[in-house]
């Protein structure tokens, strides 16, 4: 049980399968969930979902939680979407998205998420959930004066500048990783070609003593080629996946900032309306002796004040929520990059140890 009493939710996305129909084909995935939360009827369940269902969930969460950084889903792709490597890559990305969502303290309680994870009649339930989709009520935010709001705005602007810089750095890093991976795979291919030529040379005259030595050297090249290929396809790819995820996550960060900007404009608009209503009341009070008209305009001022207060509250709530979200985002990106770099370095170190063993074995051939 989590410390907030909600319980735990663990999800995995498995078994991608191509489904053909009259108009084309698509891929479905099994989404298996284990939970201790009382929000679900059963502790374990499995449902079938396709990519468009994940996309629907992402859009629902984005519309319901302004200022929250919604984990990103993989982008749409038309060409090559049924190739095995792409399907597995998308499966991993969808699983990562879902695990981030169920690990988020606010998002994991969402009704749309519960339907996505558990509904056996999701196509029909999805429409019902869409009809019930409304913006979550905004709780009362902490009261801030003008100086506090200005300080909060300045802090968020600094963080936005940092995010913009981080986005450019990640794009550069991703290009460098892709080039590194390409060169690593080219190296494995060159090692393979070298091994093939050495092996061919070893078969010219198998009776010569050097033939056995050449054959062992060719085997070493083959083994090293396998390691180099694995590093290119797995070790480097895992690091590249982390960089790609956070580059896409920054797009979600920008959406959260846009939601805050929208709340700001709504707040400013209500303030302008309130100012006009107050000016109208002053004008009526100075020129009219009709109490009914004064009462009417006074009621309009009170209504405008209530709207302005609500809009101010929403702007502060979204802004403070975004500050908290950015703190969580910073911790996650640091921890994930440290973890992926450590995994990659350990993989390369182990591969290098094996390569050294292959070369040493060639040195002691009788």
Protein backbone atom coordinates (compact mmCIF):
# COMPACT_ATOMS: atom_id res chain seq x y z
CA UNK A 1 0.00 0.00 0.00
CA UNK A 2 1.36 3.42 -0.93
CA UNK A 3 1.62 6.08 1.76
CA UNK A 4 -1.43 7.90 0.34
CA UNK A 5 -3.58 4.81 0.86
CA UNK A 6 -4.48 4.38 -2.80
CA UNK A 7 -2.64 1.11 -3.29
CA UNK A 8 -0.25 -0.03 -5.99
CA UNK A 9 -0.74 -0.56 -9.72
CA UNK A 10 1.71 -2.53 -11.83
CA UNK A 11 1.22 -2.83 -15.59
CA UNK A 12 3.02 -4.52 -18.46
CA UNK A 13 2.36 -4.40 -22.20
CA UNK A 14 3.03 -7.71 -23.93
CA UNK A 15 2.34 -9.95 -26.92
CA UNK A 16 1.94 -7.55 -29.87
CA UNK A 17 -0.16 -9.19 -32.59
CA UNK A 18 -1.09 -8.01 -36.06
CA UNK A 19 -4.84 -8.00 -36.78
CA UNK A 20 -6.12 -7.79 -40.33
CA UNK A 21 -9.51 -6.38 -41.33
CA UNK A 22 -11.23 -5.28 -44.53
CA UNK A 23 -9.65 -1.83 -44.65
CA UNK A 24 -6.13 -2.83 -43.61
CA UNK A 25 -4.42 -4.00 -40.44
CA UNK A 26 -3.35 -2.86 -36.99
CA UNK A 27 -1.41 -4.21 -33.99
CA UNK A 28 -2.99 -5.08 -30.65
CA UNK A 29 -1.24 -5.52 -27.31
CA UNK A 30 -2.09 -7.28 -24.08
CA UNK A 31 -2.16 -4.93 -21.10
CA UNK A 32 -1.80 -6.90 -17.88
CA UNK A 33 -2.40 -5.21 -14.53
CA UNK A 34 -1.81 -6.24 -10.92
CA UNK A 35 -3.16 -3.92 -8.24
CA UNK A 36 -3.92 -3.59 -4.54
CA UNK A 37 -6.15 -0.55 -5.11
CA UNK A 38 -9.79 -0.71 -4.03
CA UNK A 39 -10.66 1.33 -7.14
CA UNK A 40 -10.61 -1.90 -9.17
CA UNK A 41 -12.94 -4.87 -8.78
CA UNK A 42 -10.20 -7.48 -9.26
CA UNK A 43 -6.53 -7.64 -8.21
CA UNK A 44 -5.40 -8.95 -11.62
CA UNK A 45 -6.78 -8.50 -15.12
CA UNK A 46 -5.70 -8.43 -18.76
CA UNK A 47 -7.24 -6.51 -21.63
CA UNK A 48 -6.49 -6.02 -25.33
CA UNK A 49 -5.63 -2.53 -26.53
CA UNK A 50 -4.32 -0.99 -29.75
CA UNK A 51 -2.14 2.07 -30.29
CA UNK A 52 -5.10 4.40 -30.86
CA UNK A 53 -6.44 3.43 -27.41
CA UNK A 54 -3.18 4.52 -25.77
CA UNK A 55 -3.34 7.75 -27.76
CA UNK A 56 -6.93 8.29 -26.58
CA UNK A 57 -5.88 7.86 -22.95
CA UNK A 58 -3.04 10.35 -23.39
CA UNK A 59 -5.41 12.94 -24.89
CA UNK A 60 -7.94 12.43 -22.10
CA UNK A 61 -5.33 12.95 -19.39
CA UNK A 62 -3.93 15.99 -21.15
CA UNK A 63 -7.35 17.65 -21.33
CA UNK A 64 -8.29 16.80 -17.74
CA UNK A 65 -5.09 17.86 -15.97
CA UNK A 66 -3.84 21.28 -17.13
CA UNK A 67 -0.32 21.96 -15.89
CA UNK A 68 0.46 18.28 -15.33
CA UNK A 69 3.29 16.81 -17.40
CA UNK A 70 1.60 13.83 -19.04
CA UNK A 71 4.08 11.08 -19.97
CA UNK A 72 4.50 10.94 -23.76
CA UNK A 73 3.24 8.22 -26.08
CA UNK A 74 5.33 7.17 -29.11
CA UNK A 75 4.63 9.16 -32.24
CA UNK A 76 2.47 7.91 -35.09
CA UNK A 77 4.23 6.15 -37.94
CA UNK A 78 2.88 4.81 -41.22
CA UNK A 79 5.87 3.25 -42.99
CA UNK A 80 7.31 0.11 -41.48
CA UNK A 81 4.82 -0.03 -38.62
CA UNK A 82 4.46 -3.80 -38.88
CA UNK A 83 8.18 -4.56 -38.91
CA UNK A 84 9.23 -6.64 -35.92
CA UNK A 85 11.85 -4.18 -34.67
CA UNK A 86 9.44 -1.23 -34.83
CA UNK A 87 6.60 -3.15 -33.16
CA UNK A 88 8.87 -4.12 -30.26
CA UNK A 89 10.15 -0.56 -29.94
CA UNK A 90 6.58 0.76 -29.83
CA UNK A 91 5.57 -1.90 -27.29
CA UNK A 92 8.38 -0.78 -24.99
CA UNK A 93 7.41 2.89 -25.40
CA UNK A 94 3.73 2.19 -24.70
CA UNK A 95 4.64 0.20 -21.61
CA UNK A 96 6.88 3.03 -20.42
CA UNK A 97 4.04 5.52 -20.93
CA UNK A 98 1.58 3.41 -18.99
CA UNK A 99 3.97 2.70 -16.14
CA UNK A 100 4.69 6.41 -15.76
CA UNK A 101 0.96 7.18 -15.68
CA UNK A 102 0.11 4.59 -13.01
CA UNK A 103 3.09 5.81 -11.00
CA UNK A 104 1.79 9.40 -10.96
CA UNK A 105 -0.12 10.25 -7.78
CA UNK A 106 -2.81 12.27 -9.55
CA UNK A 107 -3.12 10.48 -12.87
CA UNK A 108 -3.43 6.96 -11.45
CA UNK A 109 -6.76 7.88 -9.83
CA UNK A 110 -8.33 8.97 -13.11
CA UNK A 111 -11.55 7.38 -14.32
CA UNK A 112 -10.37 7.17 -17.93
CA UNK A 113 -7.27 5.27 -16.82
CA UNK A 114 -9.38 2.78 -14.87
CA UNK A 115 -11.52 2.18 -17.93
CA UNK A 116 -8.47 1.76 -20.13
CA UNK A 117 -6.89 -0.78 -17.80
CA UNK A 118 -9.92 -2.84 -16.83
CA UNK A 119 -12.88 -2.45 -19.20
CA UNK A 120 -13.81 -5.50 -21.24
CA UNK A 121 -16.17 -3.35 -23.35
CA UNK A 122 -13.77 -0.51 -23.86
CA UNK A 123 -15.06 0.62 -27.28
CA UNK A 124 -18.48 1.38 -25.81
CA UNK A 125 -17.19 2.59 -22.44
CA UNK A 126 -14.77 4.93 -24.18
CA UNK A 127 -17.65 6.93 -25.64
CA UNK A 128 -19.31 7.14 -22.23
CA UNK A 129 -16.09 8.35 -20.66
CA UNK A 130 -15.73 10.99 -23.37
CA UNK A 131 -19.27 12.22 -22.68
CA UNK A 132 -18.42 12.50 -18.99
CA UNK A 133 -15.07 14.16 -19.66
CA UNK A 134 -15.00 17.46 -17.83
CA UNK A 135 -12.16 19.48 -16.47
CA UNK A 136 -11.38 18.34 -12.94
CA UNK A 137 -12.53 20.89 -10.34
CA UNK A 138 -9.70 23.21 -9.39
CA UNK A 139 -8.99 23.00 -5.63
CA UNK A 140 -8.45 26.19 -3.69
CA UNK A 141 -4.87 27.26 -4.21
CA UNK A 142 -2.62 28.97 -1.72
CA UNK A 143 -3.36 32.68 -1.47
CA UNK A 144 -0.55 34.72 -2.99
CA UNK A 145 -0.01 38.45 -3.16
CA UNK A 146 1.27 40.25 -6.24
CA UNK A 147 4.91 39.94 -5.15
CA UNK A 148 4.53 36.19 -4.58
CA UNK A 149 2.93 35.72 -7.99
CA UNK A 150 5.70 37.72 -9.64
CA UNK A 151 8.34 35.59 -7.91
CA UNK A 152 6.55 32.42 -8.98
CA UNK A 153 6.36 33.66 -12.57
CA UNK A 154 10.06 34.48 -12.61
CA UNK A 155 10.93 31.05 -11.27
CA UNK A 156 8.83 29.32 -13.93
CA UNK A 157 10.36 31.46 -16.66
CA UNK A 158 13.85 30.39 -15.57
CA UNK A 159 12.73 26.78 -15.65
CA UNK A 160 11.19 27.24 -19.10
CA UNK A 161 14.48 28.67 -20.39
CA UNK A 162 16.26 25.64 -18.93
CA UNK A 163 13.79 23.27 -20.61
CA UNK A 164 14.31 25.00 -23.97
CA UNK A 165 18.09 24.63 -23.61
CA UNK A 166 17.72 21.01 -22.52
CA UNK A 167 15.61 20.27 -25.61
CA UNK A 168 18.36 21.48 -27.93
CA UNK A 169 21.00 19.53 -26.00
CA UNK A 170 18.94 16.34 -26.18
CA UNK A 171 18.46 16.75 -29.93
CA UNK A 172 22.23 17.10 -30.35
CA UNK A 173 22.86 14.15 -28.05
CA UNK A 174 20.37 11.98 -29.93
CA UNK A 175 22.06 12.72 -33.25
CA UNK A 176 25.44 11.86 -31.72
CA UNK A 177 24.12 8.59 -30.29
CA UNK A 178 22.60 7.63 -33.65
CA UNK A 179 25.94 8.28 -35.36
CA UNK A 180 27.76 6.33 -32.65
CA UNK A 181 25.38 3.41 -33.13
CA UNK A 182 25.86 3.51 -36.90
CA UNK A 183 29.63 3.42 -36.54
CA UNK A 184 29.44 0.63 -33.97
CA UNK A 185 27.38 -1.49 -36.38
CA UNK A 186 29.76 -0.66 -39.22
CA UNK A 187 32.66 -1.77 -37.02
CA UNK A 188 30.93 -5.08 -36.31
CA UNK A 189 30.41 -5.59 -40.05
CA UNK A 190 34.08 -4.78 -40.76
CA UNK A 191 35.13 -7.24 -38.04
CA UNK A 192 32.90 -9.86 -39.66
CA UNK A 193 34.45 -9.28 -43.10
CA UNK A 194 37.94 -9.51 -41.62
CA UNK A 195 37.05 -12.76 -39.89
CA UNK A 196 35.63 -14.21 -43.10
CA UNK A 197 38.85 -13.45 -45.00
CA UNK A 198 41.01 -14.94 -42.26
CA UNK A 199 38.81 -18.04 -42.21
CA UNK A 200 39.13 -18.37 -45.99
CA UNK A 201 42.89 -18.10 -45.68
CA UNK A 202 42.92 -20.84 -43.04
CA UNK A 203 41.35 -23.31 -45.50
CA UNK A 204 43.96 -22.87 -48.25
CA UNK A 205 46.07 -25.72 -46.85
CA UNK A 206 44.68 -27.24 -43.68
CA UNK A 207 47.86 -29.31 -43.25
CA UNK A 208 50.00 -26.25 -42.56
CA UNK A 209 50.47 -25.44 -38.82
CA UNK A 210 49.32 -21.86 -39.42
CA UNK A 211 45.90 -23.02 -40.63
CA UNK A 212 44.72 -23.88 -37.12
CA UNK A 213 46.01 -20.56 -35.78
CA UNK A 214 44.21 -18.66 -38.50
CA UNK A 215 40.99 -20.59 -37.82
CA UNK A 216 41.16 -19.65 -34.12
CA UNK A 217 41.82 -16.02 -35.06
CA UNK A 218 38.82 -16.10 -37.42
CA UNK A 219 36.65 -17.46 -34.58
CA UNK A 220 37.84 -14.61 -32.36
CA UNK A 221 36.76 -12.10 -35.00
CA UNK A 222 33.35 -13.80 -35.26
CA UNK A 223 32.84 -13.66 -31.49
CA UNK A 224 33.98 -10.04 -31.30
CA UNK A 225 31.66 -9.13 -34.19
CA UNK A 226 28.73 -10.63 -32.25
CA UNK A 227 29.61 -8.54 -29.19
CA UNK A 228 29.99 -5.35 -31.22
CA UNK A 229 26.65 -5.93 -32.92
CA UNK A 230 24.95 -6.55 -29.58
CA UNK A 231 26.43 -3.33 -28.21
CA UNK A 232 25.13 -1.39 -31.20
CA UNK A 233 21.65 -2.88 -31.13
CA UNK A 234 21.08 -3.22 -27.38
CA UNK A 235 23.47 -1.27 -25.15
CA UNK A 236 23.55 1.91 -27.24
CA UNK A 237 19.86 1.57 -28.16
CA UNK A 238 18.85 1.52 -24.49
CA UNK A 239 20.70 4.79 -23.89
CA UNK A 240 19.19 6.25 -27.06
CA UNK A 241 15.72 5.22 -25.88
CA UNK A 242 16.17 7.25 -22.70
CA UNK A 243 17.26 10.33 -24.66
CA UNK A 244 14.36 9.91 -27.11
CA UNK A 245 11.82 9.49 -24.28
CA UNK A 246 12.82 12.73 -22.60
CA UNK A 247 12.93 14.61 -25.88
CA UNK A 248 9.29 13.58 -26.36
CA UNK A 249 8.58 14.32 -22.69
CA UNK A 250 9.72 17.90 -23.23
CA UNK A 251 6.86 18.26 -25.71
CA UNK A 252 4.55 17.34 -22.82
CA UNK A 253 6.31 19.90 -20.62
CA UNK A 254 5.61 22.55 -23.25
CA UNK A 255 1.93 21.54 -23.33
CA UNK A 256 1.81 22.03 -19.54
CA UNK A 257 3.34 25.49 -19.93
CA UNK A 258 0.74 26.26 -22.61
CA UNK A 259 -2.04 25.29 -20.20
CA UNK A 260 -0.58 27.72 -17.66
CA UNK A 261 -0.45 30.47 -20.31
CA UNK A 262 -4.09 29.78 -21.16
CA UNK A 263 -5.00 30.11 -17.47
CA UNK A 264 -3.09 33.38 -17.32
CA UNK A 265 -4.96 34.86 -20.29
CA UNK A 266 -8.28 33.75 -18.77
CA UNK A 267 -7.32 35.44 -15.49
CA UNK A 268 -6.35 38.68 -17.22
CA UNK A 269 -9.57 38.67 -19.21
CA UNK A 270 -11.69 38.34 -16.05
CA UNK A 271 -9.71 41.17 -14.45
CA UNK A 272 -10.48 43.39 -17.44
CA UNK A 273 -14.18 42.53 -17.25
CA UNK A 274 -14.16 43.24 -13.50
CA UNK A 275 -12.54 46.62 -14.07
CA UNK A 276 -15.19 47.58 -16.63
CA UNK A 277 -18.00 46.47 -14.28
CA UNK A 278 -16.55 48.51 -11.42
CA UNK A 279 -16.27 51.57 -13.63
CA UNK A 280 -19.89 51.07 -14.71
CA UNK A 281 -20.98 50.83 -11.08
CA UNK A 282 -19.18 54.06 -10.19
CA UNK A 283 -20.86 55.77 -13.13
CA UNK A 284 -24.32 54.53 -12.13
CA UNK A 285 -23.81 55.48 -8.50
CA UNK A 286 -22.75 59.00 -9.46
CA UNK A 287 -25.58 59.66 -11.92
CA UNK A 288 -28.54 57.48 -10.98
CA UNK A 289 -30.84 57.48 -8.04
CA UNK A 290 -32.60 54.32 -9.12
CA UNK A 291 -31.73 51.73 -6.51
CA UNK A 292 -32.86 48.83 -8.71
CA UNK A 293 -30.33 49.78 -11.40
CA UNK A 294 -27.55 50.20 -8.84
CA UNK A 295 -28.46 46.82 -7.36
CA UNK A 296 -28.33 45.22 -10.80
CA UNK A 297 -24.88 46.62 -11.63
CA UNK A 298 -23.66 45.75 -8.11
CA UNK A 299 -24.71 42.14 -8.70
CA UNK A 300 -22.78 42.16 -11.98
CA UNK A 301 -19.69 43.44 -10.15
CA UNK A 302 -20.01 40.68 -7.56
CA UNK A 303 -20.33 38.08 -10.30
CA UNK A 304 -17.26 39.50 -12.07
CA UNK A 305 -15.35 39.46 -8.77
CA UNK A 306 -16.23 35.80 -8.27
CA UNK A 307 -15.07 34.97 -11.80
CA UNK A 308 -11.82 36.90 -11.31
CA UNK A 309 -11.18 35.14 -7.99
CA UNK A 310 -11.80 31.74 -9.59
CA UNK A 311 -9.53 32.56 -12.51
CA UNK A 312 -6.79 33.81 -10.18
CA UNK A 313 -7.10 30.65 -8.12
CA UNK A 314 -6.85 28.47 -11.24
CA UNK A 315 -3.78 30.31 -12.50
CA UNK A 316 -2.01 29.97 -9.15
CA UNK A 317 -3.04 26.32 -8.80
CA UNK A 318 -1.83 25.40 -12.30
CA UNK A 319 1.40 27.36 -11.81
CA UNK A 320 2.20 25.80 -8.44
CA UNK A 321 1.32 22.39 -9.80
CA UNK A 322 3.66 22.96 -12.72
CA UNK A 323 6.46 23.94 -10.32
CA UNK A 324 5.97 20.64 -8.51
CA UNK A 325 5.80 18.72 -11.78
CA UNK A 326 9.05 20.27 -13.01
CA UNK A 327 10.76 19.26 -9.78
CA UNK A 328 9.61 15.68 -10.29
CA UNK A 329 10.62 15.80 -13.96
CA UNK A 330 14.12 16.98 -13.04
CA UNK A 331 14.59 14.17 -10.54
CA UNK A 332 13.34 11.55 -12.99
CA UNK A 333 15.53 12.67 -15.89
CA UNK A 334 18.64 12.73 -13.67
CA UNK A 335 17.93 9.29 -12.20
CA UNK A 336 17.01 7.74 -15.55
CA UNK A 337 20.09 9.06 -17.36
CA UNK A 338 22.38 7.93 -14.53
CA UNK A 339 20.77 4.48 -14.60
CA UNK A 340 20.92 4.11 -18.40
CA UNK A 341 24.52 5.37 -18.56
CA UNK A 342 25.56 3.00 -15.78
CA UNK A 343 23.91 0.09 -17.57
CA UNK A 344 25.57 0.99 -20.87
CA UNK A 345 29.03 1.43 -19.31
CA UNK A 346 28.76 -1.87 -17.45
CA UNK A 347 27.71 -3.58 -20.69
CA UNK A 348 30.65 -2.12 -22.60
CA UNK A 349 33.05 -3.00 -19.78
CA UNK A 350 31.86 -6.60 -19.75
CA UNK A 351 32.09 -6.79 -23.54
CA UNK A 352 35.61 -5.38 -23.43
CA UNK A 353 36.59 -8.00 -20.87
CA UNK A 354 35.32 -10.72 -23.20
CA UNK A 355 37.11 -9.17 -26.19
CA UNK A 356 40.36 -9.15 -24.22
CA UNK A 357 39.82 -12.84 -23.46
CA UNK A 358 39.35 -13.64 -27.16
CA UNK A 359 42.57 -11.83 -28.11
CA UNK A 360 44.52 -13.43 -25.27
CA UNK A 361 43.35 -16.86 -26.41
CA UNK A 362 44.89 -16.17 -29.83
CA UNK A 363 48.24 -15.30 -28.23
CA UNK A 364 48.74 -18.71 -26.70
CA UNK A 365 48.03 -20.92 -29.69
CA UNK A 366 50.54 -23.79 -29.91
